């Protein structure tokens, strides 16, 4: 186990300086593991290495996508192991009521595909969205195809940027942070609209006006 960890650490250190330790097909498995742990920068560096001839671009794309999807499944399963009822002790802090939570759970079932698609493209809200989908027990078949489409768009874009921007990788890796920030803001606005609409449909605002 320690040997494997050392191999991954060495691979990651070398990849950051533009060198790939040649360990055959294990290269792509290591990339998948690193993508799941480190995130988009590994995909950019892997694509850059493929432009230099160290790796095959198609396999970098496939391994990066597999790494991301594996991480997504882990977060979904963690949420699935939980229950919406666990949030009840925090309902006052969250500002929602049990019947509103039930309504939001129904909305998650209806719109999970859209939410997870936009979350994938924004990156920053992927984990809470997957946890929410898991806790709401939204079946995989309702959102996995859409998530796969979002994954290919997201990872494909990173591979394209990394492959064609080898000389500007430092600037690109900084720029990607601004892209992620912008996408996250857009996703947050969409989610605020979605939650406000769901609460309005559940009668939350009427309850507030009645209390006043």
N, C-alpha and C. Protein backbone atom coordinates (compact mmCIF):
# COMPACT_ATOMS: atom_id res chain seq x y z
N UNK A 1 0.83 -1.20 0.00
CA UNK A 1 0.00 0.00 0.00
C UNK A 1 0.87 1.26 0.00
N UNK A 2 1.92 1.25 0.87
CA UNK A 2 2.83 2.39 0.93
C UNK A 2 3.55 2.60 -0.39
N UNK A 3 3.87 1.48 -1.06
CA UNK A 3 4.55 1.58 -2.36
C UNK A 3 3.66 2.29 -3.37
N UNK A 4 2.38 1.92 -3.38
CA UNK A 4 1.43 2.53 -4.31
C UNK A 4 1.28 4.02 -4.03
N UNK A 5 1.20 4.38 -2.75
CA UNK A 5 1.07 5.80 -2.37
C UNK A 5 2.30 6.57 -2.83
N UNK A 6 3.48 5.97 -2.65
CA UNK A 6 4.71 6.63 -3.08
C UNK A 6 4.77 6.81 -4.58
N UNK A 7 4.29 5.80 -5.32
CA UNK A 7 4.26 5.90 -6.79
C UNK A 7 3.36 7.04 -7.23
N UNK A 8 2.17 7.15 -6.59
CA UNK A 8 1.22 8.21 -6.94
C UNK A 8 1.81 9.57 -6.60
N UNK A 9 2.45 9.70 -5.44
CA UNK A 9 3.05 10.97 -5.04
C UNK A 9 4.16 11.38 -6.00
N UNK A 10 4.99 10.41 -6.38
CA UNK A 10 6.08 10.70 -7.32
C UNK A 10 5.53 11.11 -8.68
N UNK A 11 4.51 10.39 -9.14
CA UNK A 11 3.87 10.70 -10.42
C UNK A 11 3.33 12.12 -10.40
N UNK A 12 2.64 12.49 -9.30
CA UNK A 12 2.03 13.82 -9.17
C UNK A 12 3.10 14.92 -9.14
N UNK A 13 4.16 14.69 -8.41
CA UNK A 13 5.25 15.68 -8.34
C UNK A 13 5.89 15.88 -9.71
N UNK A 14 6.12 14.79 -10.43
CA UNK A 14 6.71 14.89 -11.76
C UNK A 14 5.77 15.55 -12.75
N UNK A 15 4.48 15.22 -12.65
CA UNK A 15 3.49 15.77 -13.57
C UNK A 15 3.43 17.29 -13.44
N UNK A 16 3.61 17.80 -12.24
CA UNK A 16 3.54 19.25 -12.02
C UNK A 16 4.69 20.01 -12.69
N UNK A 17 5.77 19.30 -12.98
CA UNK A 17 6.89 19.96 -13.68
C UNK A 17 6.98 19.51 -15.13
N UNK A 18 5.90 18.86 -15.60
CA UNK A 18 5.83 18.51 -17.02
C UNK A 18 6.49 17.22 -17.41
N UNK A 19 6.76 16.35 -16.44
CA UNK A 19 7.39 15.05 -16.73
C UNK A 19 6.46 13.95 -16.26
N UNK A 20 6.40 12.86 -17.02
CA UNK A 20 5.54 11.73 -16.66
C UNK A 20 6.39 10.50 -16.41
N UNK A 21 6.25 9.94 -15.23
CA UNK A 21 6.92 8.68 -14.91
C UNK A 21 6.23 7.55 -15.66
N UNK A 22 6.96 6.89 -16.54
CA UNK A 22 6.35 5.88 -17.39
C UNK A 22 6.18 4.56 -16.63
N UNK A 23 4.94 4.26 -16.30
CA UNK A 23 4.61 2.98 -15.65
C UNK A 23 3.52 2.27 -16.45
N UNK A 24 3.53 2.45 -17.74
CA UNK A 24 2.60 1.76 -18.63
C UNK A 24 1.16 2.24 -18.44
N UNK A 25 0.25 1.29 -18.48
CA UNK A 25 -1.18 1.61 -18.36
C UNK A 25 -1.54 2.17 -16.99
N UNK A 26 -0.65 1.96 -16.01
CA UNK A 26 -0.89 2.49 -14.67
C UNK A 26 -0.93 4.02 -14.68
N UNK A 27 -0.28 4.63 -15.68
CA UNK A 27 -0.32 6.09 -15.78
C UNK A 27 -1.74 6.63 -15.72
N UNK A 28 -2.63 5.98 -16.47
CA UNK A 28 -3.99 6.49 -16.61
C UNK A 28 -4.84 6.19 -15.37
N UNK A 29 -4.56 5.07 -14.70
CA UNK A 29 -5.24 4.79 -13.44
C UNK A 29 -4.83 5.82 -12.38
N UNK A 30 -3.53 6.16 -12.36
CA UNK A 30 -3.04 7.16 -11.41
C UNK A 30 -3.67 8.52 -11.69
N UNK A 31 -3.82 8.87 -12.97
CA UNK A 31 -4.47 10.14 -13.33
C UNK A 31 -5.91 10.15 -12.82
N UNK A 32 -6.61 9.04 -12.99
CA UNK A 32 -8.00 8.96 -12.52
C UNK A 32 -8.06 9.18 -11.00
N UNK A 33 -7.14 8.56 -10.26
CA UNK A 33 -7.10 8.72 -8.81
C UNK A 33 -6.79 10.17 -8.44
N UNK A 34 -5.82 10.77 -9.12
CA UNK A 34 -5.43 12.15 -8.82
C UNK A 34 -6.54 13.14 -9.17
N UNK A 35 -7.25 12.89 -10.27
CA UNK A 35 -8.36 13.77 -10.65
C UNK A 35 -9.43 13.74 -9.55
N UNK A 36 -9.72 12.56 -9.04
CA UNK A 36 -10.73 12.42 -7.98
C UNK A 36 -10.31 13.17 -6.72
N UNK A 37 -8.98 13.26 -6.49
CA UNK A 37 -8.49 13.89 -5.26
C UNK A 37 -8.17 15.37 -5.46
N UNK A 38 -7.43 15.68 -6.52
CA UNK A 38 -6.90 17.03 -6.71
C UNK A 38 -7.79 17.94 -7.56
N UNK A 39 -8.59 17.35 -8.46
CA UNK A 39 -9.49 18.18 -9.25
C UNK A 39 -9.01 18.55 -10.64
N UNK A 40 -9.54 19.65 -11.20
CA UNK A 40 -9.32 20.01 -12.61
C UNK A 40 -7.87 20.21 -13.01
N UNK A 41 -7.00 20.66 -12.10
CA UNK A 41 -5.62 20.93 -12.47
C UNK A 41 -4.92 19.69 -12.99
N UNK A 42 -5.30 18.50 -12.48
CA UNK A 42 -4.69 17.25 -12.95
C UNK A 42 -5.05 16.99 -14.41
N UNK A 43 -6.30 17.27 -14.75
CA UNK A 43 -6.74 17.09 -16.14
C UNK A 43 -5.96 18.02 -17.07
N UNK A 44 -5.78 19.27 -16.65
CA UNK A 44 -5.00 20.23 -17.45
C UNK A 44 -3.56 19.75 -17.63
N UNK A 45 -2.94 19.31 -16.55
CA UNK A 45 -1.55 18.85 -16.63
C UNK A 45 -1.43 17.57 -17.44
N UNK A 46 -2.40 16.66 -17.29
CA UNK A 46 -2.38 15.43 -18.06
C UNK A 46 -2.52 15.69 -19.55
N UNK A 47 -3.40 16.64 -19.91
CA UNK A 47 -3.57 17.00 -21.32
C UNK A 47 -2.32 17.67 -21.85
N UNK A 48 -1.68 18.48 -21.02
CA UNK A 48 -0.43 19.12 -21.40
C UNK A 48 0.65 18.08 -21.67
N UNK A 49 0.70 17.05 -20.80
CA UNK A 49 1.67 15.97 -20.99
C UNK A 49 1.40 15.19 -22.27
N UNK A 50 0.12 15.06 -22.61
CA UNK A 50 -0.22 14.36 -23.86
C UNK A 50 0.22 15.17 -25.08
N UNK A 51 0.18 16.51 -24.96
CA UNK A 51 0.64 17.36 -26.06
C UNK A 51 2.15 17.22 -26.26
N UNK A 52 2.86 16.87 -25.18
CA UNK A 52 4.31 16.69 -25.26
C UNK A 52 4.69 15.26 -25.65
N UNK A 53 3.69 14.41 -25.84
CA UNK A 53 3.94 13.05 -26.28
C UNK A 53 4.12 12.02 -25.19
N UNK A 54 3.96 12.43 -23.91
CA UNK A 54 4.12 11.49 -22.81
C UNK A 54 2.91 10.56 -22.66
N UNK A 55 1.72 11.08 -22.95
CA UNK A 55 0.49 10.33 -22.76
C UNK A 55 -0.38 10.41 -24.00
N UNK A 56 -1.40 9.56 -24.06
CA UNK A 56 -2.36 9.60 -25.16
C UNK A 56 -3.57 10.43 -24.74
N UNK A 57 -3.93 11.40 -25.59
CA UNK A 57 -4.97 12.37 -25.24
C UNK A 57 -6.31 11.70 -24.94
N UNK A 58 -6.71 10.75 -25.78
CA UNK A 58 -7.99 10.08 -25.58
C UNK A 58 -8.06 9.35 -24.24
N UNK A 59 -6.94 8.73 -23.85
CA UNK A 59 -6.91 8.00 -22.58
C UNK A 59 -6.87 8.95 -21.39
N UNK A 60 -6.25 10.11 -21.58
CA UNK A 60 -6.28 11.13 -20.52
C UNK A 60 -7.72 11.59 -20.29
N UNK A 61 -8.44 11.84 -21.39
CA UNK A 61 -9.84 12.24 -21.30
C UNK A 61 -10.67 11.17 -20.58
N UNK A 62 -10.49 9.92 -20.99
CA UNK A 62 -11.26 8.83 -20.39
C UNK A 62 -10.94 8.65 -18.92
N UNK A 63 -9.65 8.68 -18.57
CA UNK A 63 -9.26 8.47 -17.17
C UNK A 63 -9.71 9.63 -16.28
N UNK A 64 -9.63 10.86 -16.80
CA UNK A 64 -10.08 12.03 -16.03
C UNK A 64 -11.58 11.96 -15.78
N UNK A 65 -12.33 11.59 -16.82
CA UNK A 65 -13.79 11.47 -16.67
C UNK A 65 -14.13 10.38 -15.67
N UNK A 66 -13.42 9.25 -15.73
CA UNK A 66 -13.67 8.15 -14.78
C UNK A 66 -13.36 8.58 -13.35
N UNK A 67 -12.28 9.33 -13.18
CA UNK A 67 -11.92 9.82 -11.85
C UNK A 67 -12.98 10.73 -11.28
N UNK A 68 -13.45 11.66 -12.10
CA UNK A 68 -14.52 12.58 -11.66
C UNK A 68 -15.79 11.84 -11.30
N UNK A 69 -16.20 10.91 -12.17
CA UNK A 69 -17.45 10.19 -11.95
C UNK A 69 -17.36 9.28 -10.72
N UNK A 70 -16.18 8.71 -10.48
CA UNK A 70 -16.00 7.89 -9.29
C UNK A 70 -16.19 8.73 -8.03
N UNK A 71 -15.59 9.93 -8.03
CA UNK A 71 -15.76 10.83 -6.89
C UNK A 71 -17.23 11.23 -6.73
N UNK A 72 -17.90 11.47 -7.86
CA UNK A 72 -19.32 11.84 -7.81
C UNK A 72 -20.16 10.73 -7.17
N UNK A 73 -19.87 9.49 -7.56
CA UNK A 73 -20.62 8.37 -7.00
C UNK A 73 -20.40 8.21 -5.50
N UNK A 74 -19.16 8.49 -5.06
CA UNK A 74 -18.86 8.39 -3.63
C UNK A 74 -19.69 9.40 -2.85
N UNK A 75 -19.74 10.67 -3.35
CA UNK A 75 -20.52 11.71 -2.65
C UNK A 75 -22.01 11.39 -2.67
N UNK A 76 -22.50 10.87 -3.81
CA UNK A 76 -23.91 10.51 -3.90
C UNK A 76 -24.25 9.40 -2.91
N UNK A 77 -23.37 8.40 -2.83
CA UNK A 77 -23.62 7.27 -1.92
C UNK A 77 -23.55 7.71 -0.46
N UNK A 78 -22.68 8.66 -0.16
CA UNK A 78 -22.62 9.19 1.20
C UNK A 78 -23.95 9.87 1.56
N UNK A 79 -24.47 10.65 0.60
CA UNK A 79 -25.77 11.28 0.82
C UNK A 79 -26.88 10.25 0.92
N UNK A 80 -26.81 9.22 0.10
CA UNK A 80 -27.83 8.17 0.08
C UNK A 80 -27.87 7.42 1.41
N UNK A 81 -26.71 7.32 2.06
CA UNK A 81 -26.65 6.63 3.35
C UNK A 81 -27.29 7.46 4.46
N UNK A 82 -27.51 8.75 4.20
CA UNK A 82 -28.14 9.62 5.19
C UNK A 82 -29.64 9.72 4.98
N UNK A 83 -30.26 10.57 5.76
CA UNK A 83 -31.71 10.76 5.69
C UNK A 83 -32.03 12.24 5.78
N UNK A 84 -33.09 12.66 5.08
CA UNK A 84 -33.53 14.04 5.16
C UNK A 84 -33.92 14.40 6.59
N UNK A 85 -34.39 13.39 7.34
CA UNK A 85 -34.83 13.63 8.71
C UNK A 85 -33.69 14.12 9.60
N UNK A 86 -32.46 13.83 9.18
CA UNK A 86 -31.31 14.28 9.97
C UNK A 86 -31.21 15.80 10.02
N UNK A 87 -31.85 16.46 9.05
CA UNK A 87 -31.81 17.93 9.01
C UNK A 87 -32.85 18.56 9.93
N UNK A 88 -33.79 17.76 10.43
CA UNK A 88 -34.87 18.31 11.25
C UNK A 88 -34.38 19.08 12.48
N UNK A 89 -33.34 18.61 13.19
CA UNK A 89 -32.88 19.38 14.34
C UNK A 89 -32.38 20.78 13.97
N UNK A 90 -32.06 20.95 12.66
CA UNK A 90 -31.51 22.24 12.21
C UNK A 90 -32.53 23.05 11.43
N UNK A 91 -33.81 22.65 11.48
CA UNK A 91 -34.81 23.30 10.65
C UNK A 91 -34.98 24.78 10.99
N UNK A 92 -34.84 25.12 12.28
CA UNK A 92 -34.98 26.54 12.64
C UNK A 92 -33.81 27.34 12.06
N UNK A 93 -32.60 26.77 12.15
CA UNK A 93 -31.42 27.44 11.61
C UNK A 93 -31.50 27.56 10.08
N UNK A 94 -32.07 26.52 9.44
CA UNK A 94 -32.22 26.54 7.99
C UNK A 94 -33.41 27.39 7.54
N UNK A 95 -34.31 27.67 8.48
CA UNK A 95 -35.46 28.49 8.15
C UNK A 95 -36.54 27.78 7.36
N UNK A 96 -36.63 26.47 7.49
CA UNK A 96 -37.65 25.70 6.77
C UNK A 96 -38.39 24.80 7.74
N UNK A 97 -39.55 24.32 7.31
CA UNK A 97 -40.40 23.46 8.12
C UNK A 97 -40.44 22.06 7.52
N UNK A 98 -40.84 21.06 8.32
CA UNK A 98 -40.85 19.68 7.82
C UNK A 98 -41.59 19.51 6.51
N UNK A 99 -42.78 20.13 6.37
CA UNK A 99 -43.53 19.93 5.13
C UNK A 99 -42.84 20.62 3.95
N UNK A 100 -42.10 21.71 4.26
CA UNK A 100 -41.35 22.37 3.19
C UNK A 100 -40.17 21.50 2.75
N UNK A 101 -39.55 20.81 3.71
CA UNK A 101 -38.47 19.90 3.37
C UNK A 101 -38.98 18.78 2.46
N UNK A 102 -40.17 18.30 2.78
CA UNK A 102 -40.78 17.26 1.95
C UNK A 102 -41.01 17.76 0.54
N UNK A 103 -41.46 19.03 0.44
CA UNK A 103 -41.72 19.60 -0.88
C UNK A 103 -40.41 19.78 -1.65
N UNK A 104 -39.37 20.24 -0.96
CA UNK A 104 -38.07 20.42 -1.60
C UNK A 104 -37.51 19.08 -2.07
N UNK A 105 -37.77 18.03 -1.29
CA UNK A 105 -37.34 16.70 -1.69
C UNK A 105 -38.02 16.28 -2.98
N UNK A 106 -39.33 16.58 -3.09
CA UNK A 106 -40.06 16.28 -4.31
C UNK A 106 -39.50 17.06 -5.50
N UNK A 107 -39.15 18.34 -5.24
CA UNK A 107 -38.59 19.17 -6.30
C UNK A 107 -37.23 18.63 -6.75
N UNK A 108 -36.46 18.11 -5.81
CA UNK A 108 -35.17 17.53 -6.16
C UNK A 108 -35.36 16.32 -7.07
N UNK A 109 -36.40 15.54 -6.81
CA UNK A 109 -36.70 14.39 -7.67
C UNK A 109 -37.06 14.85 -9.08
N UNK A 110 -37.77 15.96 -9.17
CA UNK A 110 -38.22 16.44 -10.49
C UNK A 110 -37.10 17.12 -11.27
N UNK A 111 -36.20 17.81 -10.56
CA UNK A 111 -35.22 18.64 -11.26
C UNK A 111 -33.78 18.22 -11.02
N UNK A 112 -33.56 17.01 -10.52
CA UNK A 112 -32.20 16.56 -10.21
C UNK A 112 -31.28 16.62 -11.41
N UNK A 113 -31.78 16.23 -12.57
CA UNK A 113 -30.95 16.22 -13.78
C UNK A 113 -30.43 17.61 -14.11
N UNK A 114 -31.32 18.62 -14.04
CA UNK A 114 -30.90 20.00 -14.34
C UNK A 114 -29.90 20.50 -13.31
N UNK A 115 -30.22 20.27 -12.03
CA UNK A 115 -29.38 20.77 -10.95
C UNK A 115 -27.97 20.19 -11.06
N UNK A 116 -27.87 18.88 -11.26
CA UNK A 116 -26.56 18.24 -11.31
C UNK A 116 -25.80 18.58 -12.58
N UNK A 117 -26.52 18.84 -13.66
CA UNK A 117 -25.85 19.25 -14.91
C UNK A 117 -25.17 20.60 -14.71
N UNK A 118 -25.91 21.58 -14.17
CA UNK A 118 -25.33 22.91 -13.94
C UNK A 118 -24.27 22.86 -12.85
N UNK A 119 -24.47 21.99 -11.85
CA UNK A 119 -23.47 21.85 -10.79
C UNK A 119 -22.17 21.30 -11.35
N UNK A 120 -22.26 20.36 -12.29
CA UNK A 120 -21.07 19.79 -12.91
C UNK A 120 -20.28 20.87 -13.65
N UNK A 121 -20.98 21.74 -14.34
CA UNK A 121 -20.31 22.78 -15.11
C UNK A 121 -19.78 23.89 -14.20
N UNK A 122 -20.35 24.04 -13.01
CA UNK A 122 -19.88 25.07 -12.08
C UNK A 122 -18.80 24.51 -11.15
N UNK A 123 -18.78 23.20 -10.99
CA UNK A 123 -17.79 22.49 -10.18
C UNK A 123 -17.94 22.75 -8.68
N UNK A 124 -18.01 24.00 -8.27
CA UNK A 124 -18.02 24.34 -6.85
C UNK A 124 -19.18 23.78 -6.05
N UNK A 125 -20.36 23.57 -6.70
CA UNK A 125 -21.55 23.11 -5.98
C UNK A 125 -21.86 21.63 -6.25
N UNK A 126 -20.87 20.93 -6.82
CA UNK A 126 -21.11 19.54 -7.18
C UNK A 126 -21.33 18.66 -5.95
N UNK A 127 -20.50 18.82 -4.93
CA UNK A 127 -20.60 17.96 -3.75
C UNK A 127 -21.92 18.15 -3.00
N UNK A 128 -22.32 19.39 -2.66
CA UNK A 128 -23.61 19.53 -1.97
C UNK A 128 -24.80 19.06 -2.81
N UNK A 129 -24.72 19.24 -4.13
CA UNK A 129 -25.81 18.79 -5.00
C UNK A 129 -25.92 17.28 -5.01
N UNK A 130 -24.78 16.60 -5.05
CA UNK A 130 -24.78 15.14 -5.03
C UNK A 130 -25.26 14.61 -3.68
N UNK A 131 -24.82 15.25 -2.60
CA UNK A 131 -25.29 14.85 -1.27
C UNK A 131 -26.81 15.02 -1.16
N UNK A 132 -27.32 16.14 -1.70
CA UNK A 132 -28.76 16.39 -1.66
C UNK A 132 -29.51 15.34 -2.48
N UNK A 133 -28.99 15.01 -3.66
CA UNK A 133 -29.63 14.00 -4.50
C UNK A 133 -29.63 12.64 -3.80
N UNK A 134 -28.54 12.34 -3.10
CA UNK A 134 -28.46 11.08 -2.37
C UNK A 134 -29.43 11.04 -1.21
N UNK A 135 -29.48 12.12 -0.42
CA UNK A 135 -30.38 12.16 0.73
C UNK A 135 -31.84 12.12 0.31
N UNK A 136 -32.13 12.68 -0.88
CA UNK A 136 -33.50 12.65 -1.40
C UNK A 136 -33.82 11.31 -2.07
N UNK A 137 -32.80 10.43 -2.14
CA UNK A 137 -32.95 9.10 -2.75
C UNK A 137 -33.41 9.19 -4.21
N UNK A 138 -32.83 10.16 -4.94
CA UNK A 138 -33.15 10.29 -6.37
C UNK A 138 -32.45 9.16 -7.12
N UNK A 139 -33.17 8.32 -7.88
CA UNK A 139 -32.56 7.20 -8.58
C UNK A 139 -31.50 7.66 -9.60
N UNK A 140 -30.47 6.86 -9.77
CA UNK A 140 -29.39 7.18 -10.71
C UNK A 140 -29.91 7.40 -12.13
N UNK A 141 -30.89 6.61 -12.53
CA UNK A 141 -31.37 6.68 -13.91
C UNK A 141 -31.99 8.03 -14.24
N UNK A 142 -32.39 8.79 -13.22
CA UNK A 142 -33.01 10.09 -13.45
C UNK A 142 -32.00 11.18 -13.80
N UNK A 143 -30.75 11.02 -13.33
CA UNK A 143 -29.79 12.10 -13.52
C UNK A 143 -28.44 11.68 -14.08
N UNK A 144 -28.11 10.39 -14.04
CA UNK A 144 -26.79 9.95 -14.49
C UNK A 144 -26.52 10.26 -15.97
N UNK A 145 -27.47 10.02 -16.90
CA UNK A 145 -27.19 10.36 -18.30
C UNK A 145 -26.86 11.84 -18.50
N UNK A 146 -27.60 12.71 -17.81
CA UNK A 146 -27.35 14.15 -17.92
C UNK A 146 -26.00 14.50 -17.31
N UNK A 147 -25.68 13.86 -16.19
CA UNK A 147 -24.39 14.10 -15.56
C UNK A 147 -23.24 13.67 -16.47
N UNK A 148 -23.40 12.55 -17.15
CA UNK A 148 -22.38 12.07 -18.08
C UNK A 148 -22.16 13.09 -19.20
N UNK A 149 -23.24 13.68 -19.69
CA UNK A 149 -23.12 14.69 -20.73
C UNK A 149 -22.36 15.91 -20.22
N UNK A 150 -22.73 16.35 -19.00
CA UNK A 150 -22.02 17.48 -18.39
C UNK A 150 -20.56 17.15 -18.15
N UNK A 151 -20.27 15.92 -17.74
CA UNK A 151 -18.90 15.50 -17.49
C UNK A 151 -18.05 15.57 -18.76
N UNK A 152 -18.59 15.09 -19.88
CA UNK A 152 -17.84 15.11 -21.12
C UNK A 152 -17.60 16.53 -21.61
N UNK A 153 -18.58 17.42 -21.40
CA UNK A 153 -18.38 18.82 -21.78
C UNK A 153 -17.28 19.44 -20.91
N UNK A 154 -17.38 19.24 -19.59
CA UNK A 154 -16.44 19.83 -18.65
C UNK A 154 -15.02 19.28 -18.85
N UNK A 155 -14.89 17.95 -18.83
CA UNK A 155 -13.56 17.34 -18.97
C UNK A 155 -13.00 17.55 -20.36
N UNK A 156 -13.87 17.48 -21.37
CA UNK A 156 -13.41 17.72 -22.74
C UNK A 156 -12.85 19.12 -22.91
N UNK A 157 -13.50 20.11 -22.29
CA UNK A 157 -13.02 21.48 -22.36
C UNK A 157 -11.66 21.62 -21.68
N UNK A 158 -11.49 20.98 -20.52
CA UNK A 158 -10.21 21.04 -19.81
C UNK A 158 -9.09 20.38 -20.61
N UNK A 159 -9.39 19.24 -21.23
CA UNK A 159 -8.38 18.55 -22.04
C UNK A 159 -8.00 19.41 -23.25
N UNK A 160 -8.97 20.04 -23.87
CA UNK A 160 -8.70 20.90 -25.02
C UNK A 160 -7.80 22.07 -24.61
N UNK A 161 -8.14 22.70 -23.48
CA UNK A 161 -7.34 23.84 -23.00
C UNK A 161 -5.93 23.39 -22.64
N UNK A 162 -5.82 22.28 -21.90
CA UNK A 162 -4.50 21.79 -21.50
C UNK A 162 -3.65 21.38 -22.68
N UNK A 163 -4.27 20.75 -23.68
CA UNK A 163 -3.51 20.28 -24.84
C UNK A 163 -3.00 21.43 -25.69
N UNK A 164 -3.87 22.42 -25.93
CA UNK A 164 -3.50 23.52 -26.83
C UNK A 164 -2.87 24.71 -26.10
N UNK A 165 -2.84 24.66 -24.79
CA UNK A 165 -2.28 25.80 -24.06
C UNK A 165 -1.09 25.43 -23.20
N UNK A 166 -0.24 24.50 -23.66
CA UNK A 166 0.88 24.02 -22.86
C UNK A 166 1.77 25.16 -22.38
N UNK A 167 2.08 26.10 -23.24
CA UNK A 167 3.01 27.18 -22.90
C UNK A 167 2.37 28.21 -21.98
N UNK A 168 1.03 28.22 -21.94
CA UNK A 168 0.34 29.22 -21.12
C UNK A 168 -0.38 28.56 -19.94
N UNK A 169 0.10 27.40 -19.51
CA UNK A 169 -0.62 26.61 -18.52
C UNK A 169 -0.78 27.36 -17.19
N UNK A 170 0.25 28.09 -16.79
CA UNK A 170 0.16 28.83 -15.53
C UNK A 170 -0.95 29.85 -15.57
N UNK A 171 -1.01 30.61 -16.68
CA UNK A 171 -2.07 31.61 -16.83
C UNK A 171 -3.43 30.95 -16.94
N UNK A 172 -3.48 29.82 -17.61
CA UNK A 172 -4.75 29.11 -17.79
C UNK A 172 -5.26 28.59 -16.45
N UNK A 173 -4.35 28.02 -15.63
CA UNK A 173 -4.77 27.46 -14.35
C UNK A 173 -5.30 28.56 -13.43
N UNK A 174 -4.75 29.79 -13.58
CA UNK A 174 -5.30 30.91 -12.82
C UNK A 174 -6.65 31.31 -13.39
N UNK A 175 -6.71 31.35 -14.72
CA UNK A 175 -7.95 31.75 -15.38
C UNK A 175 -9.09 30.80 -15.11
N UNK A 176 -8.76 29.52 -14.96
CA UNK A 176 -9.82 28.53 -14.73
C UNK A 176 -10.51 28.78 -13.40
N UNK A 177 -9.77 29.38 -12.44
CA UNK A 177 -10.37 29.70 -11.15
C UNK A 177 -11.47 30.75 -11.32
N UNK A 178 -11.21 31.74 -12.21
CA UNK A 178 -12.21 32.77 -12.46
C UNK A 178 -13.41 32.19 -13.21
N UNK A 179 -13.13 31.26 -14.12
CA UNK A 179 -14.22 30.60 -14.84
C UNK A 179 -15.09 29.83 -13.86
N UNK A 180 -14.46 29.10 -12.93
CA UNK A 180 -15.20 28.34 -11.93
C UNK A 180 -16.01 29.26 -11.02
N UNK A 181 -15.41 30.40 -10.66
CA UNK A 181 -16.12 31.36 -9.82
C UNK A 181 -17.35 31.89 -10.52
N UNK A 182 -17.19 32.27 -11.80
CA UNK A 182 -18.32 32.79 -12.56
C UNK A 182 -19.42 31.75 -12.72
N UNK A 183 -19.02 30.51 -13.04
CA UNK A 183 -20.00 29.44 -13.21
C UNK A 183 -20.70 29.14 -11.88
N UNK A 184 -19.96 29.21 -10.78
CA UNK A 184 -20.55 28.96 -9.46
C UNK A 184 -21.57 30.02 -9.09
N UNK A 185 -21.26 31.28 -9.44
CA UNK A 185 -22.20 32.37 -9.16
C UNK A 185 -23.49 32.17 -9.94
N UNK A 186 -23.35 31.80 -11.23
CA UNK A 186 -24.53 31.55 -12.07
C UNK A 186 -25.34 30.40 -11.47
N UNK A 187 -24.65 29.33 -11.06
CA UNK A 187 -25.35 28.19 -10.47
C UNK A 187 -26.06 28.60 -9.18
N UNK A 188 -25.40 29.42 -8.37
CA UNK A 188 -26.01 29.87 -7.11
C UNK A 188 -27.28 30.66 -7.38
N UNK A 189 -27.26 31.54 -8.39
CA UNK A 189 -28.45 32.32 -8.73
C UNK A 189 -29.58 31.42 -9.20
N UNK A 190 -29.21 30.41 -10.01
CA UNK A 190 -30.22 29.45 -10.48
C UNK A 190 -30.82 28.70 -9.30
N UNK A 191 -29.96 28.28 -8.35
CA UNK A 191 -30.44 27.54 -7.19
C UNK A 191 -31.33 28.41 -6.29
N UNK A 192 -30.96 29.68 -6.11
CA UNK A 192 -31.78 30.59 -5.31
C UNK A 192 -33.16 30.73 -5.93
N UNK A 193 -33.19 30.88 -7.26
CA UNK A 193 -34.48 30.98 -7.96
C UNK A 193 -35.28 29.70 -7.80
N UNK A 194 -34.60 28.56 -7.94
CA UNK A 194 -35.25 27.25 -7.82
C UNK A 194 -35.83 27.05 -6.42
N UNK A 195 -35.03 27.36 -5.37
CA UNK A 195 -35.48 27.17 -4.00
C UNK A 195 -36.62 28.13 -3.66
N UNK A 196 -36.49 29.39 -4.11
CA UNK A 196 -37.54 30.38 -3.86
C UNK A 196 -38.86 29.93 -4.50
N UNK A 197 -38.76 29.41 -5.73
CA UNK A 197 -39.95 28.94 -6.43
C UNK A 197 -40.57 27.75 -5.70
N UNK A 198 -39.68 26.83 -5.22
CA UNK A 198 -40.17 25.65 -4.51
C UNK A 198 -40.83 26.02 -3.20
N UNK A 199 -40.24 26.94 -2.46
CA UNK A 199 -40.82 27.38 -1.19
C UNK A 199 -42.14 28.11 -1.40
N UNK A 200 -42.20 28.90 -2.47
CA UNK A 200 -43.44 29.61 -2.77
C UNK A 200 -44.55 28.62 -3.07
N UNK A 201 -44.21 27.56 -3.83
CA UNK A 201 -45.21 26.54 -4.15
C UNK A 201 -45.64 25.77 -2.91
N UNK A 202 -44.71 25.66 -1.92
CA UNK A 202 -45.05 24.91 -0.71
C UNK A 202 -45.87 25.74 0.29
N UNK A 203 -46.04 27.03 -0.01
CA UNK A 203 -46.82 27.89 0.88
C UNK A 203 -46.00 28.53 1.97
N UNK A 204 -44.65 28.51 1.84
CA UNK A 204 -43.79 29.06 2.88
C UNK A 204 -44.02 30.55 3.08
N UNK A 205 -44.14 31.30 1.97
CA UNK A 205 -44.28 32.73 2.08
C UNK A 205 -45.65 33.10 2.67
N UNK A 206 -46.67 32.29 2.37
CA UNK A 206 -47.98 32.55 2.95
C UNK A 206 -47.93 32.36 4.46
N UNK A 207 -47.14 31.33 4.91
CA UNK A 207 -47.01 31.09 6.34
C UNK A 207 -46.37 32.27 7.04
N UNK A 208 -45.34 32.84 6.40
CA UNK A 208 -44.65 33.99 6.99
C UNK A 208 -45.57 35.18 7.11
N UNK A 209 -46.36 35.48 6.07
CA UNK A 209 -47.27 36.61 6.10
C UNK A 209 -48.38 36.41 7.12
N UNK A 210 -48.81 35.14 7.33
CA UNK A 210 -49.83 34.86 8.32
C UNK A 210 -49.31 35.12 9.74
N UNK A 211 -48.02 34.74 9.97
CA UNK A 211 -47.44 34.92 11.28
C UNK A 211 -47.31 36.40 11.62
N UNK A 212 -47.00 37.22 10.58
CA UNK A 212 -46.90 38.66 10.79
C UNK A 212 -48.27 39.27 11.03
